[in-house]
Amino acid sequence: MVEIDNILDSIRAVKNTVRTGWMLRGIPASIGETVAEHIFEASVIAYILSSELKRRNVDVNVYKVVTLAMFHDLPEAFIGDIVKHVKEVIPDTRRLEENIAREKLGNEVAELIREFNEMQTVEAKVARLAETLATYVQGARYLSNGFSYVVDIVENTLEEARKLTRLEPLSKISDVVEKIVLKAKRV
């Protein structure tokens, strides 16, 4: 069962949690992207990407993709925003996210987090690509505003997005990804 009170508390928390990676690179908290803003942008991009895949005759559940994107960072309400390089070197941070989701948000949400983290389904791959592009787009905004210390995030997320588009069926929307990348550069 979904824990409604904890979900609502989580939403409030992520609306007030500035993403750590930006702050580590000098983005003032007053203009820092919150986890909730990131989730929103990732969810909208997830809708765009999955709808385009569906239009191109790929069997993808658009609703599931958007749902995965909407919930992918909600455990950060309880554990904070752990930066990517820390998640990569400390074992079981993904499992921590799943466990805290199960405990605080319910089994349904925990299963969404698990699916997103394992990236075995088409829907999870699209949601991960959307999440990566959302980070890239925000980084490009900061770069255009003179925050040059975010360049590593921008370059790394662009590389990751392009790597993801080499996976099937994501390769079918590599043109859409490049359109998003080009638009972000002009912002």
C-alpha atoms as a PDB file:
ATOM      1  CA  MET A   1       0.000   0.000   0.000  1.00  0.00           C
ATOM      2  CA  VAL A   2       1.200   3.509  -0.786  1.00  0.00           C
ATOM      3  CA  GLU A   3       1.905   5.513   2.362  1.00  0.00           C
ATOM      4  CA  ILE A   4      -0.014   8.710   1.581  1.00  0.00           C
ATOM      5  CA  ASP A   5       1.211  10.758   4.557  1.00  0.00           C
ATOM      6  CA  ASN A   6       4.838   9.884   3.828  1.00  0.00           C
ATOM      7  CA  ILE A   7       4.373  10.581   0.107  1.00  0.00           C
ATOM      8  CA  LEU A   8       3.042  14.054   0.884  1.00  0.00           C
ATOM      9  CA  ASP A   9       5.878  14.669   3.346  1.00  0.00           C
ATOM     10  CA  SER A  10       8.337  13.467   0.696  1.00  0.00           C
ATOM     11  CA  ILE A  11       6.970  15.885  -1.865  1.00  0.00           C
ATOM     12  CA  ARG A  12       7.389  18.760   0.564  1.00  0.00           C
ATOM     13  CA  ALA A  13      10.940  17.652   1.346  1.00  0.00           C
ATOM     14  CA  VAL A  14      12.102  17.322  -2.276  1.00  0.00           C
ATOM     15  CA  LYS A  15      10.575  20.696  -3.106  1.00  0.00           C
ATOM     16  CA  ASN A  16      12.998  22.146  -0.537  1.00  0.00           C
ATOM     17  CA  THR A  17      16.068  20.015  -1.301  1.00  0.00           C
ATOM     18  CA  VAL A  18      18.566  21.629  -3.661  1.00  0.00           C
ATOM     19  CA  ARG A  19      20.477  19.089  -5.715  1.00  0.00           C
ATOM     20  CA  THR A  20      23.896  18.537  -4.199  1.00  0.00           C
ATOM     21  CA  GLY A  21      25.903  18.337  -7.427  1.00  0.00           C
ATOM     22  CA  TRP A  22      24.987  21.879  -8.389  1.00  0.00           C
ATOM     23  CA  MET A  23      25.845  23.286  -4.967  1.00  0.00           C
ATOM     24  CA  LEU A  24      29.212  21.488  -4.982  1.00  0.00           C
ATOM     25  CA  ARG A  25      29.979  23.405  -8.166  1.00  0.00           C
ATOM     26  CA  GLY A  26      29.100  26.821  -6.797  1.00  0.00           C
ATOM     27  CA  ILE A  27      25.468  27.227  -7.727  1.00  0.00           C
ATOM     28  CA  PRO A  28      23.928  29.319  -4.938  1.00  0.00           C
ATOM     29  CA  ALA A  29      21.172  27.508  -3.061  1.00  0.00           C
ATOM     30  CA  SER A  30      18.849  30.416  -3.845  1.00  0.00           C
ATOM     31  CA  ILE A  31      18.896  29.506  -7.546  1.00  0.00           C
ATOM     32  CA  GLY A  32      19.760  25.834  -7.206  1.00  0.00           C
ATOM     33  CA  GLU A  33      17.525  23.304  -8.888  1.00  0.00           C
ATOM     34  CA  THR A  34      15.557  21.340  -6.319  1.00  0.00           C
ATOM     35  CA  VAL A  35      15.041  17.604  -6.492  1.00  0.00           C
ATOM     36  CA  ALA A  36      11.350  18.253  -7.208  1.00  0.00           C
ATOM     37  CA  GLU A  37      12.185  20.543 -10.137  1.00  0.00           C
ATOM     38  CA  HIS A  38      14.468  17.845 -11.505  1.00  0.00           C
ATOM     39  CA  ILE A  39      11.764  15.198 -11.084  1.00  0.00           C
ATOM     40  CA  PHE A  40       9.247  17.398 -12.898  1.00  0.00           C
ATOM     41  CA  GLU A  41      11.554  18.091 -15.837  1.00  0.00           C
ATOM     42  CA  ALA A  42      12.582  14.423 -16.070  1.00  0.00           C
ATOM     43  CA  SER A  43       8.905  13.394 -16.062  1.00  0.00           C
ATOM     44  CA  VAL A  44       7.991  15.766 -18.892  1.00  0.00           C
ATOM     45  CA  ILE A  45      10.994  14.642 -20.948  1.00  0.00           C
ATOM     46  CA  ALA A  46      10.031  11.023 -20.180  1.00  0.00           C
ATOM     47  CA  TYR A  47       6.595  11.710 -21.641  1.00  0.00           C
ATOM     48  CA  ILE A  48       8.076  13.257 -24.782  1.00  0.00           C
ATOM     49  CA  LEU A  49      10.558  10.431 -25.346  1.00  0.00           C
ATOM     50  CA  SER A  50       8.164   7.565 -24.640  1.00  0.00           C
ATOM     51  CA  SER A  51       5.390   9.123 -26.740  1.00  0.00           C
ATOM     52  CA  GLU A  52       7.809   9.443 -29.635  1.00  0.00           C
ATOM     53  CA  LEU A  53       8.919   5.817 -29.232  1.00  0.00           C
ATOM     54  CA  LYS A  54       5.265   4.741 -29.236  1.00  0.00           C
ATOM     55  CA  ARG A  55       4.666   6.828 -32.362  1.00  0.00           C
ATOM     56  CA  ARG A  56       7.573   4.948 -33.943  1.00  0.00           C
ATOM     57  CA  ASN A  57       5.887   1.610 -33.213  1.00  0.00           C
ATOM     58  CA  VAL A  58       7.894   0.650 -30.132  1.00  0.00           C
ATOM     59  CA  ASP A  59       5.936  -1.253 -27.496  1.00  0.00           C
ATOM     60  CA  VAL A  60       6.342   1.086 -24.551  1.00  0.00           C
ATOM     61  CA  ASN A  61       3.996   1.990 -21.705  1.00  0.00           C
ATOM     62  CA  VAL A  62       4.079   5.803 -21.651  1.00  0.00           C
ATOM     63  CA  TYR A  63       2.277   5.935 -18.308  1.00  0.00           C
ATOM     64  CA  LYS A  64       4.850   3.595 -16.730  1.00  0.00           C
ATOM     65  CA  VAL A  65       7.784   5.641 -18.072  1.00  0.00           C
ATOM     66  CA  VAL A  66       6.373   8.856 -16.647  1.00  0.00           C
ATOM     67  CA  THR A  67       5.583   7.128 -13.347  1.00  0.00           C
ATOM     68  CA  LEU A  68       9.153   5.812 -13.067  1.00  0.00           C
ATOM     69  CA  ALA A  69      10.508   9.304 -13.737  1.00  0.00           C
ATOM     70  CA  MET A  70       8.116  10.845 -11.201  1.00  0.00           C
ATOM     71  CA  PHE A  71       9.241   8.547  -8.406  1.00  0.00           C
ATOM     72  CA  HIS A  72      12.919   7.935  -9.253  1.00  0.00           C
ATOM     73  CA  ASP A  73      14.328  10.452  -6.752  1.00  0.00           C
ATOM     74  CA  LEU A  74      11.579  10.501  -4.126  1.00  0.00           C
ATOM     75  CA  PRO A  75      13.662   8.460  -1.629  1.00  0.00           C
ATOM     76  CA  GLU A  76      15.990  11.472  -1.489  1.00  0.00           C
ATOM     77  CA  ALA A  77      13.418  13.033   0.804  1.00  0.00           C
ATOM     78  CA  PHE A  78      14.720  10.611   3.450  1.00  0.00           C
ATOM     79  CA  ILE A  79      18.358   9.974   2.510  1.00  0.00           C
ATOM     80  CA  GLY A  80      19.302  13.249   0.839  1.00  0.00           C
ATOM     81  CA  ASP A  81      20.625  13.827  -2.653  1.00  0.00           C
ATOM     82  CA  ILE A  82      23.592  11.482  -2.972  1.00  0.00           C
ATOM     83  CA  VAL A  83      25.772  12.623  -5.855  1.00  0.00           C
ATOM     84  CA  LYS A  84      26.329  10.223  -8.729  1.00  0.00           C
ATOM     85  CA  HIS A  85      30.016   9.529  -8.164  1.00  0.00           C
ATOM     86  CA  VAL A  86      29.286   8.556  -4.552  1.00  0.00           C
ATOM     87  CA  LYS A  87      26.488   6.207  -5.691  1.00  0.00           C
ATOM     88  CA  GLU A  88      28.958   4.574  -8.060  1.00  0.00           C
ATOM     89  CA  VAL A  89      31.656   3.888  -5.443  1.00  0.00           C
ATOM     90  CA  ILE A  90      29.635   3.047  -2.349  1.00  0.00           C
ATOM     91  CA  PRO A  91      28.016  -0.347  -2.656  1.00  0.00           C
ATOM     92  CA  ASP A  92      24.297  -0.729  -2.150  1.00  0.00           C
ATOM     93  CA  THR A  93      23.223   2.924  -2.324  1.00  0.00           C
ATOM     94  CA  ARG A  94      20.626   1.850  -4.890  1.00  0.00           C
ATOM     95  CA  ARG A  95      19.432  -0.837  -2.478  1.00  0.00           C
ATOM     96  CA  LEU A  96      19.275   1.812   0.264  1.00  0.00           C
ATOM     97  CA  GLU A  97      16.942   3.843  -1.954  1.00  0.00           C
ATOM     98  CA  GLU A  98      14.757   0.800  -2.533  1.00  0.00           C
ATOM     99  CA  ASN A  99      14.685  -0.134   1.168  1.00  0.00           C
ATOM    100  CA  ILE A 100      13.838   3.367   2.349  1.00  0.00           C
ATOM    101  CA  ALA A 101      11.148   3.566  -0.321  1.00  0.00           C
ATOM    102  CA  ARG A 102       9.679   0.256   0.870  1.00  0.00           C
ATOM    103  CA  GLU A 103       9.757   1.362   4.513  1.00  0.00           C
ATOM    104  CA  LYS A 104       8.502   4.915   4.080  1.00  0.00           C
ATOM    105  CA  LEU A 105       6.555   4.953   0.807  1.00  0.00           C
ATOM    106  CA  GLY A 106       5.260   1.404   0.389  1.00  0.00           C
ATOM    107  CA  ASN A 107       5.987  -1.639  -1.741  1.00  0.00           C
ATOM    108  CA  GLU A 108       4.535  -0.177  -4.941  1.00  0.00           C
ATOM    109  CA  VAL A 109       6.892   2.791  -4.873  1.00  0.00           C
ATOM    110  CA  ALA A 110       9.826   0.589  -3.871  1.00  0.00           C
ATOM    111  CA  GLU A 111       9.170  -1.611  -6.912  1.00  0.00           C
ATOM    112  CA  LEU A 112       9.220   1.478  -9.144  1.00  0.00           C
ATOM    113  CA  ILE A 113      12.569   2.498  -7.651  1.00  0.00           C
ATOM    114  CA  ARG A 114      13.918  -1.033  -8.130  1.00  0.00           C
ATOM    115  CA  GLU A 115      12.788  -1.139 -11.769  1.00  0.00           C
ATOM    116  CA  PHE A 116      14.315   2.276 -12.453  1.00  0.00           C
ATOM    117  CA  ASN A 117      17.607   1.276 -10.818  1.00  0.00           C
ATOM    118  CA  GLU A 118      17.890  -2.103 -12.559  1.00  0.00           C
ATOM    119  CA  MET A 119      17.124  -0.563 -15.968  1.00  0.00           C
ATOM    120  CA  GLN A 120      16.054  -3.901 -17.448  1.00  0.00           C
ATOM    121  CA  THR A 121      12.770  -2.775 -19.009  1.00  0.00           C
ATOM    122  CA  VAL A 122      12.222  -0.475 -21.960  1.00  0.00           C
ATOM    123  CA  GLU A 123      10.322   1.844 -19.636  1.00  0.00           C
ATOM    124  CA  ALA A 124      13.194   2.071 -17.149  1.00  0.00           C
ATOM    125  CA  LYS A 125      15.692   2.773 -19.940  1.00  0.00           C
ATOM    126  CA  VAL A 126      13.541   5.614 -21.250  1.00  0.00           C
ATOM    127  CA  ALA A 127      13.042   7.015 -17.738  1.00  0.00           C
ATOM    128  CA  ARG A 128      16.815   6.888 -17.119  1.00  0.00           C
ATOM    129  CA  LEU A 129      17.465   8.680 -20.416  1.00  0.00           C
ATOM    130  CA  ALA A 130      14.903  11.327 -19.468  1.00  0.00           C
ATOM    131  CA  GLU A 131      16.490  11.787 -16.043  1.00  0.00           C
ATOM    132  CA  THR A 132      19.910  12.156 -17.635  1.00  0.00           C
ATOM    133  CA  LEU A 133      18.650  14.656 -20.197  1.00  0.00           C
ATOM    134  CA  ALA A 134      16.918  16.674 -17.471  1.00  0.00           C
ATOM    135  CA  THR A 135      20.263  17.026 -15.688  1.00  0.00           C
ATOM    136  CA  TYR A 136      21.973  17.945 -18.957  1.00  0.00           C
ATOM    137  CA  VAL A 137      19.362  20.611 -19.778  1.00  0.00           C
ATOM    138  CA  GLN A 138      19.660  22.210 -16.335  1.00  0.00           C
ATOM    139  CA  GLY A 139      23.433  22.166 -16.575  1.00  0.00           C
ATOM    140  CA  ALA A 140      23.273  23.861 -19.966  1.00  0.00           C
ATOM    141  CA  ARG A 141      21.108  26.580 -18.393  1.00  0.00           C
ATOM    142  CA  TYR A 142      23.694  27.147 -15.681  1.00  0.00           C
ATOM    143  CA  LEU A 143      26.499  27.269 -18.253  1.00  0.00           C
ATOM    144  CA  SER A 144      24.615  29.871 -20.276  1.00  0.00           C
ATOM    145  CA  ASN A 145      24.354  31.946 -17.084  1.00  0.00           C
ATOM    146  CA  GLY A 146      28.102  31.878 -16.543  1.00  0.00           C
ATOM    147  CA  PHE A 147      28.435  29.039 -14.027  1.00  0.00           C
ATOM    148  CA  SER A 148      31.392  27.365 -15.736  1.00  0.00           C
ATOM    149  CA  TYR A 149      32.105  24.936 -12.899  1.00  0.00           C
ATOM    150  CA  VAL A 150      29.170  22.757 -14.012  1.00  0.00           C
ATOM    151  CA  VAL A 151      30.841  21.889 -17.315  1.00  0.00           C
ATOM    152  CA  ASP A 152      31.850  18.420 -16.092  1.00  0.00           C
ATOM    153  CA  ILE A 153      28.238  17.559 -15.258  1.00  0.00           C
ATOM    154  CA  VAL A 154      27.101  18.847 -18.644  1.00  0.00           C
ATOM    155  CA  GLU A 155      29.753  16.874 -20.513  1.00  0.00           C
ATOM    156  CA  ASN A 156      29.247  13.696 -18.470  1.00  0.00           C
ATOM    157  CA  THR A 157      25.459  13.707 -18.786  1.00  0.00           C
ATOM    158  CA  LEU A 158      25.677  14.352 -22.513  1.00  0.00           C
ATOM    159  CA  GLU A 159      28.059  11.420 -22.866  1.00  0.00           C
ATOM    160  CA  GLU A 160      25.754   9.241 -20.766  1.00  0.00           C
ATOM    161  CA  ALA A 161      22.666  10.262 -22.783  1.00  0.00           C
ATOM    162  CA  ARG A 162      24.418   9.427 -26.043  1.00  0.00           C
ATOM    163  CA  LYS A 163      25.561   6.102 -24.604  1.00  0.00           C
ATOM    164  CA  LEU A 164      21.979   5.308 -23.589  1.00  0.00           C
ATOM    165  CA  THR A 165      20.744   6.115 -27.106  1.00  0.00           C
ATOM    166  CA  ARG A 166      22.947   3.318 -28.421  1.00  0.00           C
ATOM    167  CA  LEU A 167      20.704   0.862 -26.543  1.00  0.00           C
ATOM    168  CA  GLU A 168      17.651  -0.618 -28.204  1.00  0.00           C
ATOM    169  CA  PRO A 169      15.029   0.696 -28.599  1.00  0.00           C
ATOM    170  CA  LEU A 170      16.388   4.100 -27.515  1.00  0.00           C
ATOM    171  CA  SER A 171      18.418   4.330 -30.715  1.00  0.00           C
ATOM    172  CA  LYS A 172      15.112   4.919 -32.510  1.00  0.00           C
ATOM    173  CA  ILE A 173      14.808   8.332 -30.836  1.00  0.00           C
ATOM    174  CA  SER A 174      18.440   9.493 -30.996  1.00  0.00           C
ATOM    175  CA  ASP A 175      17.275  12.309 -33.292  1.00  0.00           C
ATOM    176  CA  VAL A 176      14.834  13.514 -30.616  1.00  0.00           C
ATOM    177  CA  VAL A 177      17.585  13.394 -28.005  1.00  0.00           C
ATOM    178  CA  GLU A 178      19.870  15.464 -30.250  1.00  0.00           C
ATOM    179  CA  LYS A 179      17.057  17.976 -30.771  1.00  0.00           C
ATOM    180  CA  ILE A 180      16.739  18.374 -26.989  1.00  0.00           C
ATOM    181  CA  VAL A 181      20.524  18.732 -26.679  1.00  0.00           C
ATOM    182  CA  LEU A 182      20.651  21.417 -29.389  1.00  0.00           C
ATOM    183  CA  LYS A 183      17.740  23.322 -27.859  1.00  0.00           C
ATOM    184  CA  ALA A 184      19.405  23.238 -24.424  1.00  0.00           C
ATOM    185  CA  LYS A 185      22.619  24.691 -25.875  1.00  0.00           C
ATOM    186  CA  ARG A 186      20.706  27.680 -27.230  1.00  0.00           C
ATOM    187  CA  VAL A 187      18.953  28.543 -23.978  1.00  0.00           C
END
